Amino acid sequence: MNDLEFNNKKQCGLWLMLVCAVIVIADIFGGKFLINPIIFLIGYTDAFYKDNLRYVFILLIQAIGFCTKKVGLINRFIYDF
């Protein structure tokens, strides 16, 4: 039987907090909808990719040591995007 892989608890918890914030914002601007689908779709995918990419680049930084110029630019792009 194969072992299953799960997200780390910290990464999964951070993603759930980001999605919760997206739901609250989408609910505030919901209008005639209960939750605004456009805001929810954009926020949900943005939170998913930012959280997972952040985890990958943290592992990259830990693998190569101190932050290089390239990794620093990528990190700034992820957080500013």
PDB file of N, CA and C in Angstrom:
ATOM      1  N   MET A   1       0.844  -1.177   0.000  1.00  0.00           N
ATOM      2  CA  MET A   1       0.000   0.000   0.000  1.00  0.00           C
ATOM      3  C   MET A   1       0.889   1.240   0.000  1.00  0.00           C
ATOM      4  N   ASN A   2       0.573   2.216  -0.836  1.00  0.00           N
ATOM      5  CA  ASN A   2       1.368   3.442  -0.947  1.00  0.00           C
ATOM      6  C   ASN A   2       1.035   4.406   0.178  1.00  0.00           C
ATOM      7  N   ASP A   3       2.063   5.140   0.616  1.00  0.00           N
ATOM      8  CA  ASP A   3       1.841   6.175   1.622  1.00  0.00           C
ATOM      9  C   ASP A   3       1.191   7.385   0.977  1.00  0.00           C
ATOM     10  N   LEU A   4       0.301   8.025   1.701  1.00  0.00           N
ATOM     11  CA  LEU A   4      -0.349   9.231   1.212  1.00  0.00           C
ATOM     12  C   LEU A   4       0.459  10.454   1.624  1.00  0.00           C
ATOM     13  N   GLU A   5       0.438  11.488   0.797  1.00  0.00           N
ATOM     14  CA  GLU A   5       1.130  12.727   1.114  1.00  0.00           C
ATOM     15  C   GLU A   5       0.099  13.803   1.420  1.00  0.00           C
ATOM     16  N   PHE A   6       0.334  14.559   2.483  1.00  0.00           N
ATOM     17  CA  PHE A   6      -0.555  15.635   2.878  1.00  0.00           C
ATOM     18  C   PHE A   6       0.245  16.920   3.023  1.00  0.00           C
ATOM     19  N   ASN A   7      -0.451  18.054   2.925  1.00  0.00           N
ATOM     20  CA  ASN A   7       0.205  19.333   3.179  1.00  0.00           C
ATOM     21  C   ASN A   7       0.691  19.388   4.617  1.00  0.00           C
ATOM     22  N   ASN A   8       1.715  20.163   4.844  1.00  0.00           N
ATOM     23  CA  ASN A   8       2.133  20.402   6.218  1.00  0.00           C
ATOM     24  C   ASN A   8       1.040  21.166   6.936  1.00  0.00           C
ATOM     25  N   LYS A   9       0.952  20.998   8.228  1.00  0.00           N
ATOM     26  CA  LYS A   9      -0.115  21.650   8.989  1.00  0.00           C
ATOM     27  C   LYS A   9      -0.034  23.163   8.904  1.00  0.00           C
ATOM     28  N   LYS A  10       1.177  23.714   8.965  1.00  0.00           N
ATOM     29  CA  LYS A  10       1.335  25.165   8.909  1.00  0.00           C
ATOM     30  C   LYS A  10       0.912  25.698   7.545  1.00  0.00           C
ATOM     31  N   GLN A  11       1.322  25.033   6.489  1.00  0.00           N
ATOM     32  CA  GLN A  11       0.981  25.470   5.143  1.00  0.00           C
ATOM     33  C   GLN A  11      -0.523  25.371   4.905  1.00  0.00           C
ATOM     34  N   CYS A  12      -1.126  24.289   5.320  1.00  0.00           N
ATOM     35  CA  CYS A  12      -2.561  24.111   5.135  1.00  0.00           C
ATOM     36  C   CYS A  12      -3.344  25.119   5.976  1.00  0.00           C
ATOM     37  N   GLY A  13      -2.899  25.383   7.180  1.00  0.00           N
ATOM     38  CA  GLY A  13      -3.573  26.350   8.041  1.00  0.00           C
ATOM     39  C   GLY A  13      -3.485  27.759   7.491  1.00  0.00           C
ATOM     40  N   LEU A  14      -2.324  28.126   6.944  1.00  0.00           N
ATOM     41  CA  LEU A  14      -2.169  29.441   6.342  1.00  0.00           C
ATOM     42  C   LEU A  14      -3.085  29.593   5.133  1.00  0.00           C
ATOM     43  N   TRP A  15      -3.174  28.542   4.322  1.00  0.00           N
ATOM     44  CA  TRP A  15      -4.050  28.587   3.156  1.00  0.00           C
ATOM     45  C   TRP A  15      -5.508  28.723   3.595  1.00  0.00           C
ATOM     46  N   LEU A  16      -5.912  28.011   4.616  1.00  0.00           N
ATOM     47  CA  LEU A  16      -7.294  28.116   5.102  1.00  0.00           C
ATOM     48  C   LEU A  16      -7.599  29.514   5.640  1.00  0.00           C
ATOM     49  N   MET A  17      -6.624  30.151   6.301  1.00  0.00           N
ATOM     50  CA  MET A  17      -6.845  31.521   6.777  1.00  0.00           C
ATOM     51  C   MET A  17      -6.975  32.494   5.605  1.00  0.00           C
ATOM     52  N   LEU A  18      -6.163  32.302   4.564  1.00  0.00           N
ATOM     53  CA  LEU A  18      -6.265  33.156   3.388  1.00  0.00           C
ATOM     54  C   LEU A  18      -7.614  32.980   2.691  1.00  0.00           C
ATOM     55  N   VAL A  19      -8.077  31.735   2.572  1.00  0.00           N
ATOM     56  CA  VAL A  19      -9.376  31.483   1.952  1.00  0.00           C
ATOM     57  C   VAL A  19     -10.495  32.071   2.807  1.00  0.00           C
ATOM     58  N   CYS A  20     -10.371  32.015   4.117  1.00  0.00           N
ATOM     59  CA  CYS A  20     -11.372  32.620   5.009  1.00  0.00           C
ATOM     60  C   CYS A  20     -11.445  34.126   4.772  1.00  0.00           C
ATOM     61  N   ALA A  21     -10.307  34.774   4.633  1.00  0.00           N
ATOM     62  CA  ALA A  21     -10.293  36.212   4.361  1.00  0.00           C
ATOM     63  C   ALA A  21     -10.924  36.509   3.003  1.00  0.00           C
ATOM     64  N   VAL A  22     -10.672  35.650   2.020  1.00  0.00           N
ATOM     65  CA  VAL A  22     -11.271  35.831   0.693  1.00  0.00           C
ATOM     66  C   VAL A  22     -12.783  35.688   0.768  1.00  0.00           C
ATOM     67  N   ILE A  23     -13.272  34.732   1.530  1.00  0.00           N
ATOM     68  CA  ILE A  23     -14.716  34.536   1.676  1.00  0.00           C
ATOM     69  C   ILE A  23     -15.355  35.749   2.341  1.00  0.00           C
ATOM     70  N   VAL A  24     -14.701  36.302   3.351  1.00  0.00           N
ATOM     71  CA  VAL A  24     -15.249  37.486   4.027  1.00  0.00           C
ATOM     72  C   VAL A  24     -15.313  38.665   3.060  1.00  0.00           C
ATOM     73  N   ILE A  25     -14.246  38.885   2.292  1.00  0.00           N
ATOM     74  CA  ILE A  25     -14.234  39.989   1.323  1.00  0.00           C
ATOM     75  C   ILE A  25     -15.274  39.762   0.232  1.00  0.00           C
ATOM     76  N   ALA A  26     -15.378  38.530  -0.255  1.00  0.00           N
ATOM     77  CA  ALA A  26     -16.374  38.227  -1.287  1.00  0.00           C
ATOM     78  C   ALA A  26     -17.788  38.362  -0.745  1.00  0.00           C
ATOM     79  N   ASP A  27     -17.984  38.100   0.538  1.00  0.00           N
ATOM     80  CA  ASP A  27     -19.302  38.251   1.149  1.00  0.00           C
ATOM     81  C   ASP A  27     -19.675  39.730   1.293  1.00  0.00           C
ATOM     82  N   ILE A  28     -18.704  40.561   1.631  1.00  0.00           N
ATOM     83  CA  ILE A  28     -18.964  42.002   1.777  1.00  0.00           C
ATOM     84  C   ILE A  28     -19.386  42.609   0.439  1.00  0.00           C
ATOM     85  N   PHE A  29     -18.708  42.206  -0.639  1.00  0.00           N
ATOM     86  CA  PHE A  29     -19.015  42.756  -1.963  1.00  0.00           C
ATOM     87  C   PHE A  29     -19.927  41.835  -2.768  1.00  0.00           C
ATOM     88  N   GLY A  30     -20.701  41.005  -2.085  1.00  0.00           N
ATOM     89  CA  GLY A  30     -21.538  40.017  -2.759  1.00  0.00           C
ATOM     90  C   GLY A  30     -22.658  40.587  -3.599  1.00  0.00           C
ATOM     91  N   GLY A  31     -23.221  41.702  -3.187  1.00  0.00           N
ATOM     92  CA  GLY A  31     -24.326  42.289  -3.934  1.00  0.00           C
ATOM     93  C   GLY A  31     -25.543  41.375  -3.900  1.00  0.00           C
ATOM     94  N   LYS A  32     -26.079  41.067  -5.078  1.00  0.00           N
ATOM     95  CA  LYS A  32     -27.256  40.205  -5.116  1.00  0.00           C
ATOM     96  C   LYS A  32     -26.904  38.736  -4.895  1.00  0.00           C
ATOM     97  N   PHE A  33     -25.619  38.404  -5.036  1.00  0.00           N
ATOM     98  CA  PHE A  33     -25.164  37.049  -4.725  1.00  0.00           C
ATOM     99  C   PHE A  33     -24.829  36.976  -3.240  1.00  0.00           C
ATOM    100  N   LEU A  34     -24.852  35.798  -2.692  1.00  0.00           N
ATOM    101  CA  LEU A  34     -24.419  35.640  -1.305  1.00  0.00           C
ATOM    102  C   LEU A  34     -22.921  35.917  -1.195  1.00  0.00           C
ATOM    103  N   ILE A  35     -22.149  35.340  -2.132  1.00  0.00           N
ATOM    104  CA  ILE A  35     -20.699  35.568  -2.213  1.00  0.00           C
ATOM    105  C   ILE A  35     -20.387  35.933  -3.656  1.00  0.00           C
ATOM    106  N   ASN A  36     -19.651  37.015  -3.849  1.00  0.00           N
ATOM    107  CA  ASN A  36     -19.299  37.447  -5.196  1.00  0.00           C
ATOM    108  C   ASN A  36     -18.395  36.396  -5.835  1.00  0.00           C
ATOM    109  N   PRO A  37     -18.846  35.742  -6.933  1.00  0.00           N
ATOM    110  CA  PRO A  37     -18.062  34.647  -7.511  1.00  0.00           C
ATOM    111  C   PRO A  37     -16.749  35.089  -8.148  1.00  0.00           C
ATOM    112  N   ILE A  38     -16.698  36.289  -8.705  1.00  0.00           N
ATOM    113  CA  ILE A  38     -15.461  36.750  -9.349  1.00  0.00           C
ATOM    114  C   ILE A  38     -14.377  36.997  -8.301  1.00  0.00           C
ATOM    115  N   ILE A  39     -14.729  37.695  -7.237  1.00  0.00           N
ATOM    116  CA  ILE A  39     -13.762  37.955  -6.163  1.00  0.00           C
ATOM    117  C   ILE A  39     -13.327  36.643  -5.519  1.00  0.00           C
ATOM    118  N   PHE A  40     -14.271  35.737  -5.311  1.00  0.00           N
ATOM    119  CA  PHE A  40     -13.931  34.456  -4.694  1.00  0.00           C
ATOM    120  C   PHE A  40     -12.995  33.646  -5.585  1.00  0.00           C
ATOM    121  N   LEU A  41     -13.285  33.587  -6.878  1.00  0.00           N
ATOM    122  CA  LEU A  41     -12.455  32.813  -7.802  1.00  0.00           C
ATOM    123  C   LEU A  41     -11.035  33.357  -7.865  1.00  0.00           C
ATOM    124  N   ILE A  42     -10.909  34.666  -8.007  1.00  0.00           N
ATOM    125  CA  ILE A  42      -9.579  35.270  -8.082  1.00  0.00           C
ATOM    126  C   ILE A  42      -8.828  35.107  -6.761  1.00  0.00           C
ATOM    127  N   GLY A  43      -9.504  35.370  -5.653  1.00  0.00           N
ATOM    128  CA  GLY A  43      -8.851  35.259  -4.349  1.00  0.00           C
ATOM    129  C   GLY A  43      -8.480  33.835  -3.981  1.00  0.00           C
ATOM    130  N   TYR A  44      -9.348  32.883  -4.302  1.00  0.00           N
ATOM    131  CA  TYR A  44      -9.096  31.473  -3.984  1.00  0.00           C
ATOM    132  C   TYR A  44      -7.865  30.963  -4.726  1.00  0.00           C
ATOM    133  N   THR A  45      -7.813  31.215  -6.042  1.00  0.00           N
ATOM    134  CA  THR A  45      -6.665  30.731  -6.806  1.00  0.00           C
ATOM    135  C   THR A  45      -5.387  31.475  -6.427  1.00  0.00           C
ATOM    136  N   ASP A  46      -5.504  32.778  -6.154  1.00  0.00           N
ATOM    137  CA  ASP A  46      -4.341  33.559  -5.732  1.00  0.00           C
ATOM    138  C   ASP A  46      -3.794  33.033  -4.407  1.00  0.00           C
ATOM    139  N   ALA A  47      -4.670  32.765  -3.455  1.00  0.00           N
ATOM    140  CA  ALA A  47      -4.240  32.241  -2.155  1.00  0.00           C
ATOM    141  C   ALA A  47      -3.602  30.867  -2.305  1.00  0.00           C
ATOM    142  N   PHE A  48      -4.179  30.028  -3.155  1.00  0.00           N
ATOM    143  CA  PHE A  48      -3.640  28.678  -3.354  1.00  0.00           C
ATOM    144  C   PHE A  48      -2.236  28.725  -3.920  1.00  0.00           C
ATOM    145  N   TYR A  49      -2.052  29.502  -4.994  1.00  0.00           N
ATOM    146  CA  TYR A  49      -0.745  29.540  -5.631  1.00  0.00           C
ATOM    147  C   TYR A  49       0.294  30.263  -4.786  1.00  0.00           C
ATOM    148  N   LYS A  50      -0.087  31.345  -4.123  1.00  0.00           N
ATOM    149  CA  LYS A  50       0.881  32.048  -3.276  1.00  0.00           C
ATOM    150  C   LYS A  50       1.340  31.170  -2.118  1.00  0.00           C
ATOM    151  N   ASP A  51       0.410  30.456  -1.508  1.00  0.00           N
ATOM    152  CA  ASP A  51       0.784  29.614  -0.376  1.00  0.00           C
ATOM    153  C   ASP A  51       1.672  28.465  -0.821  1.00  0.00           C
ATOM    154  N   ASN A  52       1.332  27.799  -1.911  1.00  0.00           N
ATOM    155  CA  ASN A  52       2.133  26.669  -2.372  1.00  0.00           C
ATOM    156  C   ASN A  52       3.466  27.105  -2.947  1.00  0.00           C
ATOM    157  N   LEU A  53       3.514  28.224  -3.673  1.00  0.00           N
ATOM    158  CA  LEU A  53       4.792  28.703  -4.195  1.00  0.00           C
ATOM    159  C   LEU A  53       5.700  29.187  -3.076  1.00  0.00           C
ATOM    160  N   ARG A  54       5.112  29.805  -2.051  1.00  0.00           N
ATOM    161  CA  ARG A  54       5.909  30.250  -0.906  1.00  0.00           C
ATOM    162  C   ARG A  54       6.605  29.052  -0.263  1.00  0.00           C
ATOM    163  N   TYR A  55       5.892  27.950  -0.120  1.00  0.00           N
ATOM    164  CA  TYR A  55       6.452  26.751   0.491  1.00  0.00           C
ATOM    165  C   TYR A  55       7.582  26.189  -0.363  1.00  0.00           C
ATOM    166  N   VAL A  56       7.412  26.172  -1.684  1.00  0.00           N
ATOM    167  CA  VAL A  56       8.448  25.653  -2.583  1.00  0.00           C
ATOM    168  C   VAL A  56       9.707  26.509  -2.497  1.00  0.00           C
ATOM    169  N   PHE A  57       9.551  27.831  -2.460  1.00  0.00           N
ATOM    170  CA  PHE A  57      10.731  28.687  -2.423  1.00  0.00           C
ATOM    171  C   PHE A  57      11.389  28.696  -1.053  1.00  0.00           C
ATOM    172  N   ILE A  58      10.642  28.448   0.002  1.00  0.00           N
ATOM    173  CA  ILE A  58      11.276  28.284   1.316  1.00  0.00           C
ATOM    174  C   ILE A  58      12.161  27.048   1.302  1.00  0.00           C
ATOM    175  N   LEU A  59      11.668  25.971   0.696  1.00  0.00           N
ATOM    176  CA  LEU A  59      12.497  24.771   0.576  1.00  0.00           C
ATOM    177  C   LEU A  59      13.714  25.032  -0.306  1.00  0.00           C
ATOM    178  N   LEU A  60      13.551  25.823  -1.356  1.00  0.00           N
ATOM    179  CA  LEU A  60      14.665  26.166  -2.224  1.00  0.00           C
ATOM    180  C   LEU A  60      15.709  26.970  -1.473  1.00  0.00           C
ATOM    181  N   ILE A  61      15.266  27.928  -0.669  1.00  0.00           N
ATOM    182  CA  ILE A  61      16.197  28.735   0.114  1.00  0.00           C
ATOM    183  C   ILE A  61      16.938  27.860   1.120  1.00  0.00           C
ATOM    184  N   GLN A  62      16.232  26.940   1.742  1.00  0.00           N
ATOM    185  CA  GLN A  62      16.882  26.056   2.704  1.00  0.00           C
ATOM    186  C   GLN A  62      17.865  25.122   2.027  1.00  0.00           C
ATOM    187  N   ALA A  63      17.601  24.758   0.774  1.00  0.00           N
ATOM    188  CA  ALA A  63      18.483  23.842   0.065  1.00  0.00           C
ATOM    189  C   ALA A  63      19.775  24.519  -0.376  1.00  0.00           C
ATOM    190  N   ILE A  64      19.702  25.817  -0.754  1.00  0.00           N
ATOM    191  CA  ILE A  64      20.896  26.474  -1.287  1.00  0.00           C
ATOM    192  C   ILE A  64      21.552  27.419  -0.296  1.00  0.00           C
ATOM    193  N   GLY A  65      20.972  27.595   0.870  1.00  0.00           N
ATOM    194  CA  GLY A  65      21.577  28.473   1.860  1.00  0.00           C
ATOM    195  C   GLY A  65      20.983  29.856   1.824  1.00  0.00           C
ATOM    196  N   PHE A  66      21.851  30.858   1.899  1.00  0.00           N
ATOM    197  CA  PHE A  66      21.367  32.228   1.931  1.00  0.00           C
ATOM    198  C   PHE A  66      20.683  32.604   0.618  1.00  0.00           C
ATOM    199  N   CYS A  67      19.852  33.591   0.698  1.00  0.00           N
ATOM    200  CA  CYS A  67      19.042  34.028  -0.428  1.00  0.00           C
ATOM    201  C   CYS A  67      19.925  34.630  -1.522  1.00  0.00           C
ATOM    202  N   THR A  68      19.821  34.087  -2.723  1.00  0.00           N
ATOM    203  CA  THR A  68      20.540  34.652  -3.852  1.00  0.00           C
ATOM    204  C   THR A  68      19.692  35.768  -4.467  1.00  0.00           C
ATOM    205  N   LYS A  69      20.277  36.462  -5.414  1.00  0.00           N
ATOM    206  CA  LYS A  69      19.568  37.564  -6.064  1.00  0.00           C
ATOM    207  C   LYS A  69      18.314  37.060  -6.783  1.00  0.00           C
ATOM    208  N   LYS A  70      18.432  35.906  -7.449  1.00  0.00           N
ATOM    209  CA  LYS A  70      17.309  35.347  -8.202  1.00  0.00           C
ATOM    210  C   LYS A  70      16.172  34.945  -7.270  1.00  0.00           C
ATOM    211  N   VAL A  71      16.489  34.273  -6.189  1.00  0.00           N
ATOM    212  CA  VAL A  71      15.463  33.843  -5.236  1.00  0.00           C
ATOM    213  C   VAL A  71      14.812  35.050  -4.577  1.00  0.00           C
ATOM    214  N   GLY A  72      15.598  36.094  -4.285  1.00  0.00           N
ATOM    215  CA  GLY A  72      15.042  37.312  -3.703  1.00  0.00           C
ATOM    216  C   GLY A  72      14.046  37.986  -4.637  1.00  0.00           C
ATOM    217  N   LEU A  73      14.371  38.030  -5.933  1.00  0.00           N
ATOM    218  CA  LEU A  73      13.449  38.612  -6.910  1.00  0.00           C
ATOM    219  C   LEU A  73      12.170  37.789  -7.018  1.00  0.00           C
ATOM    220  N   ILE A  74      12.307  36.483  -7.010  1.00  0.00           N
ATOM    221  CA  ILE A  74      11.127  35.616  -7.103  1.00  0.00           C
ATOM    222  C   ILE A  74      10.259  35.782  -5.864  1.00  0.00           C
ATOM    223  N   ASN A  75      10.870  35.844  -4.693  1.00  0.00           N
ATOM    224  CA  ASN A  75      10.091  36.040  -3.465  1.00  0.00           C
ATOM    225  C   ASN A  75       9.357  37.368  -3.481  1.00  0.00           C
ATOM    226  N   ARG A  76      10.019  38.432  -3.923  1.00  0.00           N
ATOM    227  CA  ARG A  76       9.357  39.738  -4.013  1.00  0.00           C
ATOM    228  C   ARG A  76       8.207  39.695  -4.998  1.00  0.00           C
ATOM    229  N   PHE A  77       8.386  38.990  -6.109  1.00  0.00           N
ATOM    230  CA  PHE A  77       7.317  38.870  -7.098  1.00  0.00           C
ATOM    231  C   PHE A  77       6.114  38.132  -6.520  1.00  0.00           C
ATOM    232  N   ILE A  78       6.361  37.065  -5.770  1.00  0.00           N
ATOM    233  CA  ILE A  78       5.261  36.289  -5.200  1.00  0.00           C
ATOM    234  C   ILE A  78       4.472  37.119  -4.201  1.00  0.00           C
ATOM    235  N   TYR A  79       5.149  37.852  -3.326  1.00  0.00           N
ATOM    236  CA  TYR A  79       4.446  38.605  -2.311  1.00  0.00           C
ATOM    237  C   TYR A  79       3.808  39.882  -2.848  1.00  0.00           C
ATOM    238  N   ASP A  80       4.400  40.477  -3.901  1.00  0.00           N
ATOM    239  CA  ASP A  80       3.851  41.708  -4.449  1.00  0.00           C
ATOM    240  C   ASP A  80       2.786  41.461  -5.491  1.00  0.00           C
ATOM    241  N   PHE A  81       2.722  40.265  -6.039  1.00  0.00           N
ATOM    242  CA  PHE A  81       1.767  39.947  -7.096  1.00  0.00           C
ATOM    243  C   PHE A  81       0.447  39.749  -6.490  1.00  0.00           C
TER     244      PHE A  81
END
